[in-house]
């Protein structure tokens, strides 16, 4: 979980079926470790994230700099030779699931978004944020009147 350092950068693959490839970086706070001098030093790690296909399209449409998001996925390492002839090693998180970590009202962006998108290449959709029902109490949960039996509720 971290905050986007900038808006996602999205490119589309070439070929018969173009696919969105979104890249973004999350600033992830480190827990309060101090060095010998009592300084905290670097307090965040910057994690490179890559989202493919519909997850990439979701990131392009809804994610903005400063938003706090939650990502799960797998680590992928790689390397390339830069223009100076030096070998550069990379580590990326390839998205399996991604979603908003803050509610719409807590988010500084204020965009009207409707949930999280997971899936990477699986193509699944997860709704993680819904408008509160009209009879919701302050914390977003529906107020269930006294006397309603558990059997009438849509879960066990």
N, C-alpha and C. Protein backbone atom coordinates (compact mmCIF):
# COMPACT_ATOMS: atom_id res chain seq x y z
N UNK A 1 0.85 -1.17 0.00
CA UNK A 1 0.00 0.00 0.00
C UNK A 1 0.89 1.23 0.00
N UNK A 2 0.56 2.15 -0.87
CA UNK A 2 1.35 3.37 -0.95
C UNK A 2 0.63 4.43 -1.77
N UNK A 3 1.30 5.55 -1.95
CA UNK A 3 0.74 6.66 -2.72
C UNK A 3 1.45 6.76 -4.07
N UNK A 4 0.66 7.06 -5.10
CA UNK A 4 1.23 7.22 -6.43
C UNK A 4 2.11 8.46 -6.47
N UNK A 5 3.32 8.30 -6.98
CA UNK A 5 4.25 9.42 -7.06
C UNK A 5 3.91 10.33 -8.24
N UNK A 6 3.22 9.79 -9.25
CA UNK A 6 2.75 10.57 -10.40
C UNK A 6 1.66 9.77 -11.09
N UNK A 7 0.98 10.39 -12.04
CA UNK A 7 -0.06 9.67 -12.80
C UNK A 7 0.58 8.48 -13.52
N UNK A 8 -0.19 7.39 -13.69
CA UNK A 8 0.35 6.23 -14.42
C UNK A 8 0.73 6.60 -15.85
N UNK A 9 1.80 5.98 -16.33
CA UNK A 9 2.22 6.13 -17.72
C UNK A 9 1.69 4.90 -18.46
N UNK A 10 0.90 5.12 -19.50
CA UNK A 10 0.25 4.00 -20.19
C UNK A 10 0.67 3.99 -21.65
N UNK A 11 1.03 2.80 -22.11
CA UNK A 11 1.33 2.55 -23.52
C UNK A 11 0.49 1.37 -23.96
N UNK A 12 0.32 1.24 -25.24
CA UNK A 12 -0.44 0.12 -25.79
C UNK A 12 0.47 -0.74 -26.65
N UNK A 13 0.37 -2.06 -26.46
CA UNK A 13 1.20 -2.98 -27.22
C UNK A 13 0.77 -2.98 -28.69
N UNK A 14 1.68 -3.39 -29.55
CA UNK A 14 1.39 -3.50 -30.98
C UNK A 14 0.86 -4.90 -31.27
N UNK A 15 0.27 -5.06 -32.42
CA UNK A 15 -0.14 -6.40 -32.82
C UNK A 15 -1.62 -6.49 -33.07
N UNK A 16 -2.07 -7.73 -33.24
CA UNK A 16 -3.46 -8.02 -33.57
C UNK A 16 -4.42 -7.48 -32.52
N UNK A 17 -4.08 -7.65 -31.26
CA UNK A 17 -4.92 -7.16 -30.16
C UNK A 17 -4.05 -6.29 -29.27
N UNK A 18 -4.24 -4.98 -29.34
CA UNK A 18 -3.42 -4.11 -28.50
C UNK A 18 -3.85 -4.24 -27.04
N UNK A 19 -2.87 -4.12 -26.16
CA UNK A 19 -3.11 -4.28 -24.72
C UNK A 19 -2.50 -3.09 -24.00
N UNK A 20 -3.24 -2.55 -23.02
CA UNK A 20 -2.73 -1.46 -22.19
C UNK A 20 -1.65 -2.00 -21.26
N UNK A 21 -0.57 -1.23 -21.13
CA UNK A 21 0.49 -1.54 -20.17
C UNK A 21 0.71 -0.26 -19.38
N UNK A 22 0.25 -0.26 -18.12
CA UNK A 22 0.37 0.91 -17.25
C UNK A 22 1.54 0.70 -16.30
N UNK A 23 2.35 1.74 -16.17
CA UNK A 23 3.46 1.72 -15.22
C UNK A 23 3.27 2.88 -14.26
N UNK A 24 3.42 2.60 -12.98
CA UNK A 24 3.38 3.65 -11.98
C UNK A 24 4.25 3.27 -10.82
N UNK A 25 4.55 4.25 -9.98
CA UNK A 25 5.41 4.03 -8.83
C UNK A 25 4.65 4.38 -7.57
N UNK A 26 4.75 3.49 -6.58
CA UNK A 26 4.15 3.75 -5.27
C UNK A 26 5.23 4.10 -4.27
N UNK A 27 5.01 5.15 -3.51
CA UNK A 27 5.86 5.49 -2.37
C UNK A 27 5.26 4.77 -1.16
N UNK A 28 6.00 3.81 -0.63
CA UNK A 28 5.52 2.97 0.47
C UNK A 28 6.31 3.33 1.72
N UNK A 29 5.59 3.80 2.75
CA UNK A 29 6.26 4.20 4.00
C UNK A 29 6.93 3.02 4.66
N UNK A 30 8.12 3.28 5.18
CA UNK A 30 8.82 2.28 5.99
C UNK A 30 8.37 2.44 7.43
N UNK A 31 8.42 1.37 8.15
CA UNK A 31 8.14 1.44 9.59
C UNK A 31 9.25 2.23 10.26
N UNK A 32 8.99 2.80 11.44
CA UNK A 32 9.89 3.72 12.12
C UNK A 32 11.21 3.17 12.56
N UNK A 33 12.12 2.88 11.66
CA UNK A 33 13.48 2.44 12.01
C UNK A 33 14.40 3.64 11.99
N UNK A 34 15.28 3.69 12.96
CA UNK A 34 16.25 4.80 13.03
C UNK A 34 17.66 4.22 12.96
N UNK A 35 18.57 5.04 12.43
CA UNK A 35 19.97 4.60 12.41
C UNK A 35 20.63 4.92 13.75
N UNK A 36 21.93 4.71 13.86
CA UNK A 36 22.64 4.90 15.13
C UNK A 36 22.58 6.34 15.64
N UNK A 37 22.48 7.30 14.73
CA UNK A 37 22.44 8.71 15.12
C UNK A 37 21.03 9.17 15.50
N UNK A 38 20.05 8.30 15.39
CA UNK A 38 18.67 8.67 15.71
C UNK A 38 17.90 9.25 14.54
N UNK A 39 18.56 9.38 13.37
CA UNK A 39 17.87 9.88 12.18
C UNK A 39 17.07 8.77 11.54
N UNK A 40 15.95 9.15 10.96
CA UNK A 40 15.15 8.16 10.26
C UNK A 40 15.69 7.90 8.86
N UNK A 41 16.41 8.84 8.26
CA UNK A 41 16.93 8.65 6.91
C UNK A 41 15.78 8.52 5.93
N UNK A 42 15.96 7.63 4.96
CA UNK A 42 14.90 7.41 3.97
C UNK A 42 13.70 6.78 4.67
N UNK A 43 12.53 7.39 4.52
CA UNK A 43 11.34 6.88 5.21
C UNK A 43 10.36 6.21 4.27
N UNK A 44 10.70 6.11 2.98
CA UNK A 44 9.81 5.45 2.02
C UNK A 44 10.63 4.68 1.01
N UNK A 45 10.02 3.61 0.50
CA UNK A 45 10.58 2.87 -0.63
C UNK A 45 9.71 3.19 -1.84
N UNK A 46 10.32 3.19 -3.01
CA UNK A 46 9.60 3.51 -4.24
C UNK A 46 9.52 2.23 -5.07
N UNK A 47 8.29 1.70 -5.17
CA UNK A 47 8.05 0.40 -5.78
C UNK A 47 7.48 0.60 -7.18
N UNK A 48 8.13 0.00 -8.18
CA UNK A 48 7.64 0.07 -9.56
C UNK A 48 6.54 -0.95 -9.78
N UNK A 49 5.43 -0.51 -10.34
CA UNK A 49 4.25 -1.35 -10.55
C UNK A 49 3.95 -1.40 -12.05
N UNK A 50 3.57 -2.59 -12.55
CA UNK A 50 3.16 -2.74 -13.94
C UNK A 50 1.82 -3.46 -13.97
N UNK A 51 0.84 -2.85 -14.66
CA UNK A 51 -0.50 -3.44 -14.78
C UNK A 51 -0.79 -3.64 -16.26
N UNK A 52 -1.21 -4.84 -16.63
CA UNK A 52 -1.49 -5.18 -18.02
C UNK A 52 -2.99 -5.22 -18.30
N UNK A 53 -3.31 -5.01 -19.57
CA UNK A 53 -4.64 -5.22 -20.13
C UNK A 53 -5.69 -4.37 -19.41
N UNK A 54 -6.77 -4.98 -18.93
CA UNK A 54 -7.86 -4.21 -18.32
C UNK A 54 -7.43 -3.56 -17.01
N UNK A 55 -6.52 -4.20 -16.28
CA UNK A 55 -5.99 -3.57 -15.06
C UNK A 55 -5.21 -2.31 -15.42
N UNK A 56 -4.50 -2.33 -16.55
CA UNK A 56 -3.79 -1.15 -17.03
C UNK A 56 -4.74 -0.05 -17.44
N UNK A 57 -5.84 -0.42 -18.10
CA UNK A 57 -6.85 0.56 -18.49
C UNK A 57 -7.49 1.20 -17.26
N UNK A 58 -7.74 0.39 -16.23
CA UNK A 58 -8.32 0.90 -14.99
C UNK A 58 -7.39 1.91 -14.35
N UNK A 59 -6.10 1.57 -14.27
CA UNK A 59 -5.12 2.48 -13.67
C UNK A 59 -5.07 3.79 -14.45
N UNK A 60 -5.11 3.71 -15.77
CA UNK A 60 -5.07 4.91 -16.60
C UNK A 60 -6.29 5.80 -16.34
N UNK A 61 -7.44 5.18 -16.20
CA UNK A 61 -8.69 5.94 -16.05
C UNK A 61 -8.88 6.54 -14.66
N UNK A 62 -8.50 5.81 -13.62
CA UNK A 62 -8.87 6.22 -12.26
C UNK A 62 -7.72 6.63 -11.35
N UNK A 63 -6.52 6.13 -11.55
CA UNK A 63 -5.43 6.43 -10.61
C UNK A 63 -4.78 7.76 -10.96
N UNK A 64 -4.52 8.56 -9.93
CA UNK A 64 -3.88 9.87 -10.09
C UNK A 64 -2.82 10.06 -9.02
N UNK A 65 -1.88 10.94 -9.29
CA UNK A 65 -0.81 11.24 -8.36
C UNK A 65 -1.37 11.57 -6.98
N UNK A 66 -0.76 11.00 -5.94
CA UNK A 66 -1.15 11.27 -4.56
C UNK A 66 -2.17 10.31 -4.01
N UNK A 67 -2.89 9.56 -4.86
CA UNK A 67 -3.88 8.59 -4.37
C UNK A 67 -3.17 7.47 -3.62
N UNK A 68 -3.85 6.97 -2.60
CA UNK A 68 -3.32 5.82 -1.87
C UNK A 68 -4.01 4.58 -2.42
N UNK A 69 -3.22 3.62 -2.90
CA UNK A 69 -3.76 2.41 -3.49
C UNK A 69 -3.11 1.18 -2.87
N UNK A 70 -3.82 0.08 -3.00
CA UNK A 70 -3.36 -1.21 -2.49
C UNK A 70 -3.15 -2.13 -3.69
N UNK A 71 -1.98 -2.73 -3.77
CA UNK A 71 -1.63 -3.57 -4.91
C UNK A 71 -1.13 -4.91 -4.39
N UNK A 72 -1.55 -5.98 -5.04
CA UNK A 72 -0.94 -7.29 -4.78
C UNK A 72 -0.56 -7.88 -6.13
N UNK A 73 0.52 -8.62 -6.13
CA UNK A 73 1.00 -9.20 -7.37
C UNK A 73 2.24 -10.01 -7.14
N UNK A 74 2.98 -10.20 -8.21
CA UNK A 74 4.20 -11.00 -8.13
C UNK A 74 5.39 -10.14 -8.51
N UNK A 75 6.54 -10.47 -7.95
CA UNK A 75 7.77 -9.76 -8.29
C UNK A 75 8.34 -10.31 -9.59
N UNK A 76 8.84 -9.40 -10.42
CA UNK A 76 9.51 -9.82 -11.65
C UNK A 76 10.80 -9.01 -11.76
N UNK A 77 11.91 -9.71 -11.96
CA UNK A 77 13.18 -9.03 -12.13
C UNK A 77 13.58 -9.09 -13.59
N UNK A 78 14.40 -8.16 -13.99
CA UNK A 78 14.88 -8.12 -15.36
C UNK A 78 16.11 -7.24 -15.44
N UNK A 79 16.62 -7.10 -16.65
CA UNK A 79 17.78 -6.24 -16.86
C UNK A 79 17.80 -5.76 -18.30
N UNK A 80 18.49 -4.67 -18.52
CA UNK A 80 18.70 -4.14 -19.87
C UNK A 80 19.99 -3.34 -19.86
N UNK A 81 20.49 -3.06 -21.04
CA UNK A 81 21.69 -2.24 -21.17
C UNK A 81 21.26 -0.85 -21.60
N UNK A 82 21.63 0.15 -20.81
CA UNK A 82 21.22 1.52 -21.12
C UNK A 82 22.09 2.10 -22.24
N UNK A 83 21.79 3.34 -22.61
CA UNK A 83 22.50 3.96 -23.76
C UNK A 83 23.98 4.20 -23.49
N UNK A 84 24.37 4.18 -22.20
CA UNK A 84 25.78 4.34 -21.85
C UNK A 84 26.52 3.00 -21.80
N UNK A 85 25.82 1.91 -22.14
CA UNK A 85 26.43 0.59 -22.13
C UNK A 85 26.47 -0.08 -20.78
N UNK A 86 25.80 0.51 -19.78
CA UNK A 86 25.78 -0.08 -18.44
C UNK A 86 24.57 -1.00 -18.29
N UNK A 87 24.77 -2.10 -17.60
CA UNK A 87 23.67 -3.03 -17.35
C UNK A 87 22.84 -2.51 -16.17
N UNK A 88 21.53 -2.40 -16.37
CA UNK A 88 20.61 -1.90 -15.35
C UNK A 88 19.68 -3.05 -14.95
N UNK A 89 19.56 -3.28 -13.65
CA UNK A 89 18.70 -4.34 -13.14
C UNK A 89 17.39 -3.72 -12.65
N UNK A 90 16.29 -4.40 -12.92
CA UNK A 90 14.97 -3.88 -12.54
C UNK A 90 14.22 -4.89 -11.69
N UNK A 91 13.36 -4.37 -10.83
CA UNK A 91 12.42 -5.19 -10.06
C UNK A 91 11.08 -4.49 -10.11
N UNK A 92 10.06 -5.20 -10.60
CA UNK A 92 8.71 -4.66 -10.73
C UNK A 92 7.73 -5.57 -10.04
N UNK A 93 6.61 -5.00 -9.58
CA UNK A 93 5.48 -5.79 -9.12
C UNK A 93 4.50 -5.86 -10.29
N UNK A 94 4.19 -7.08 -10.74
CA UNK A 94 3.22 -7.29 -11.80
C UNK A 94 1.87 -7.48 -11.12
N UNK A 95 0.91 -6.62 -11.45
CA UNK A 95 -0.37 -6.54 -10.73
C UNK A 95 -1.21 -7.80 -10.94
N UNK A 96 -1.67 -8.36 -9.82
CA UNK A 96 -2.76 -9.34 -9.82
C UNK A 96 -4.05 -8.62 -9.45
N UNK A 97 -3.98 -7.79 -8.41
CA UNK A 97 -5.13 -7.01 -7.94
C UNK A 97 -4.66 -5.62 -7.55
N UNK A 98 -5.51 -4.63 -7.79
CA UNK A 98 -5.23 -3.26 -7.37
C UNK A 98 -6.55 -2.62 -6.99
N UNK A 99 -6.52 -1.79 -5.96
CA UNK A 99 -7.75 -1.14 -5.52
C UNK A 99 -7.42 0.13 -4.74
N UNK A 100 -8.44 0.95 -4.56
CA UNK A 100 -8.28 2.17 -3.79
C UNK A 100 -8.13 1.83 -2.32
N UNK A 101 -7.22 2.51 -1.63
CA UNK A 101 -7.03 2.28 -0.20
C UNK A 101 -7.80 3.29 0.64
N UNK A 102 -8.24 4.37 0.04
CA UNK A 102 -9.02 5.39 0.74
C UNK A 102 -10.42 5.46 0.14
N UNK A 103 -11.36 5.91 0.94
CA UNK A 103 -12.69 6.14 0.39
C UNK A 103 -12.66 7.37 -0.48
N UNK A 104 -13.68 7.56 -1.28
CA UNK A 104 -13.76 8.71 -2.18
C UNK A 104 -13.65 10.02 -1.42
N UNK A 105 -14.27 10.10 -0.25
CA UNK A 105 -14.27 11.34 0.52
C UNK A 105 -12.90 11.64 1.12
N UNK A 106 -12.09 10.60 1.40
CA UNK A 106 -10.77 10.82 1.98
C UNK A 106 -9.75 11.18 0.93
N UNK A 107 -10.05 10.88 -0.33
CA UNK A 107 -9.09 11.08 -1.40
C UNK A 107 -9.06 12.52 -1.84
N UNK A 108 -7.88 13.08 -1.98
CA UNK A 108 -7.74 14.48 -2.37
C UNK A 108 -8.20 14.71 -3.79
N UNK A 109 -8.13 13.69 -4.65
CA UNK A 109 -8.50 13.85 -6.05
C UNK A 109 -9.96 14.16 -6.24
N UNK A 110 -10.84 13.52 -5.47
CA UNK A 110 -12.26 13.79 -5.54
C UNK A 110 -12.92 13.28 -6.80
N UNK A 111 -12.24 12.47 -7.61
CA UNK A 111 -12.85 11.93 -8.82
C UNK A 111 -13.97 10.98 -8.44
N UNK A 112 -14.91 10.80 -9.33
CA UNK A 112 -16.02 9.88 -9.10
C UNK A 112 -15.62 8.52 -9.63
N UNK A 113 -15.04 7.69 -8.76
CA UNK A 113 -14.64 6.36 -9.19
C UNK A 113 -15.45 5.34 -8.42
N UNK A 114 -15.53 4.13 -8.98
CA UNK A 114 -16.47 3.19 -8.41
C UNK A 114 -15.91 1.91 -7.91
N UNK A 115 -14.64 1.82 -7.60
CA UNK A 115 -14.17 0.57 -7.05
C UNK A 115 -12.75 0.28 -7.46
N UNK A 116 -12.33 -0.96 -7.23
CA UNK A 116 -10.99 -1.36 -7.59
C UNK A 116 -11.05 -2.31 -8.75
N UNK A 117 -9.94 -2.47 -9.39
CA UNK A 117 -9.89 -3.42 -10.48
C UNK A 117 -8.75 -4.35 -10.25
N UNK A 118 -9.02 -5.60 -10.31
CA UNK A 118 -7.97 -6.60 -10.20
C UNK A 118 -7.91 -7.33 -11.51
N UNK A 119 -7.06 -8.27 -11.56
CA UNK A 119 -7.16 -9.14 -12.69
C UNK A 119 -5.91 -9.31 -13.50
N UNK A 120 -5.10 -8.30 -13.67
CA UNK A 120 -3.98 -8.49 -14.56
C UNK A 120 -4.48 -9.13 -15.83
N UNK A 121 -4.10 -10.35 -16.10
CA UNK A 121 -4.55 -11.05 -17.29
C UNK A 121 -5.76 -11.93 -17.03
N UNK A 122 -6.23 -11.99 -15.79
CA UNK A 122 -7.36 -12.85 -15.46
C UNK A 122 -8.68 -12.26 -15.89
N UNK A 123 -8.77 -10.94 -15.99
CA UNK A 123 -9.99 -10.30 -16.45
C UNK A 123 -11.10 -10.28 -15.42
N UNK A 124 -10.78 -10.29 -14.13
CA UNK A 124 -11.83 -10.25 -13.11
C UNK A 124 -12.04 -8.81 -12.67
N UNK A 125 -13.20 -8.52 -12.15
CA UNK A 125 -13.52 -7.18 -11.68
C UNK A 125 -13.96 -7.28 -10.24
N UNK A 126 -13.42 -6.43 -9.39
CA UNK A 126 -13.83 -6.43 -7.98
C UNK A 126 -14.37 -5.06 -7.64
N UNK A 127 -15.60 -5.00 -7.23
CA UNK A 127 -16.19 -3.73 -6.78
C UNK A 127 -15.80 -3.55 -5.33
N UNK A 128 -15.06 -2.48 -5.01
CA UNK A 128 -14.58 -2.30 -3.65
C UNK A 128 -15.19 -1.09 -2.96
N UNK A 129 -15.88 -0.24 -3.70
CA UNK A 129 -16.45 0.95 -3.10
C UNK A 129 -17.81 1.20 -3.71
N UNK A 130 -18.84 1.25 -2.90
CA UNK A 130 -20.20 1.46 -3.40
C UNK A 130 -20.78 2.66 -2.71
N UNK A 131 -21.72 3.33 -3.36
CA UNK A 131 -22.38 4.43 -2.67
C UNK A 131 -23.14 3.91 -1.45
N UNK A 132 -23.15 4.68 -0.40
CA UNK A 132 -23.84 4.27 0.81
C UNK A 132 -25.35 4.29 0.59
N UNK A 133 -26.08 3.30 1.09
CA UNK A 133 -27.53 3.33 0.96
C UNK A 133 -28.10 4.51 1.73
N UNK A 134 -29.30 4.89 1.38
CA UNK A 134 -29.91 6.09 1.98
C UNK A 134 -30.11 5.94 3.49
N UNK A 135 -30.23 4.71 3.99
CA UNK A 135 -30.41 4.52 5.43
C UNK A 135 -29.11 4.09 6.11
N UNK A 136 -27.97 4.49 5.56
CA UNK A 136 -26.68 4.14 6.16
C UNK A 136 -26.41 5.06 7.35
N UNK A 137 -25.75 4.49 8.35
CA UNK A 137 -25.32 5.31 9.47
C UNK A 137 -23.97 5.91 9.12
N UNK A 138 -23.39 6.74 9.97
CA UNK A 138 -22.21 7.52 9.67
C UNK A 138 -20.99 6.74 9.19
N UNK A 139 -20.84 5.48 9.59
CA UNK A 139 -19.64 4.75 9.19
C UNK A 139 -19.81 4.01 7.88
N UNK A 140 -20.90 4.23 7.15
CA UNK A 140 -21.10 3.61 5.86
C UNK A 140 -21.81 2.27 5.92
N UNK A 141 -22.06 1.74 7.12
CA UNK A 141 -22.77 0.48 7.25
C UNK A 141 -24.27 0.74 7.36
N UNK A 142 -25.03 -0.17 6.82
CA UNK A 142 -26.48 -0.03 6.86
C UNK A 142 -26.98 -0.32 8.26
N UNK A 143 -27.91 0.46 8.74
CA UNK A 143 -28.50 0.26 10.05
C UNK A 143 -29.59 -0.80 9.92
N UNK A 144 -29.40 -1.96 10.57
CA UNK A 144 -30.38 -3.04 10.53
C UNK A 144 -31.30 -2.88 11.73
N UNK A 145 -32.59 -2.75 11.47
CA UNK A 145 -33.53 -2.52 12.57
C UNK A 145 -33.57 -3.69 13.55
N UNK A 146 -33.91 -3.39 14.80
CA UNK A 146 -34.08 -4.43 15.82
C UNK A 146 -35.20 -5.37 15.40
N UNK A 147 -35.05 -6.64 15.75
CA UNK A 147 -36.10 -7.60 15.48
C UNK A 147 -35.94 -8.32 14.15
N UNK A 148 -34.97 -7.94 13.34
CA UNK A 148 -34.74 -8.64 12.07
C UNK A 148 -33.94 -9.89 12.38
N UNK A 149 -34.42 -11.02 11.91
CA UNK A 149 -33.74 -12.30 12.15
C UNK A 149 -32.58 -12.46 11.19
N UNK A 150 -31.54 -13.18 11.63
CA UNK A 150 -30.37 -13.44 10.79
C UNK A 150 -30.73 -14.16 9.50
N UNK A 151 -31.79 -14.98 9.53
CA UNK A 151 -32.14 -15.78 8.36
C UNK A 151 -32.55 -14.88 7.19
N UNK A 152 -32.99 -13.68 7.44
CA UNK A 152 -33.41 -12.79 6.37
C UNK A 152 -32.27 -12.02 5.73
N UNK A 153 -31.07 -12.11 6.31
CA UNK A 153 -29.93 -11.37 5.76
C UNK A 153 -29.25 -12.20 4.68
N UNK A 154 -28.65 -11.54 3.68
CA UNK A 154 -28.10 -12.27 2.54
C UNK A 154 -26.71 -12.87 2.76
N UNK A 155 -26.36 -13.21 4.00
CA UNK A 155 -25.07 -13.86 4.27
C UNK A 155 -25.24 -14.72 5.52
N UNK A 156 -24.28 -15.61 5.70
CA UNK A 156 -24.34 -16.54 6.86
C UNK A 156 -23.57 -15.99 8.01
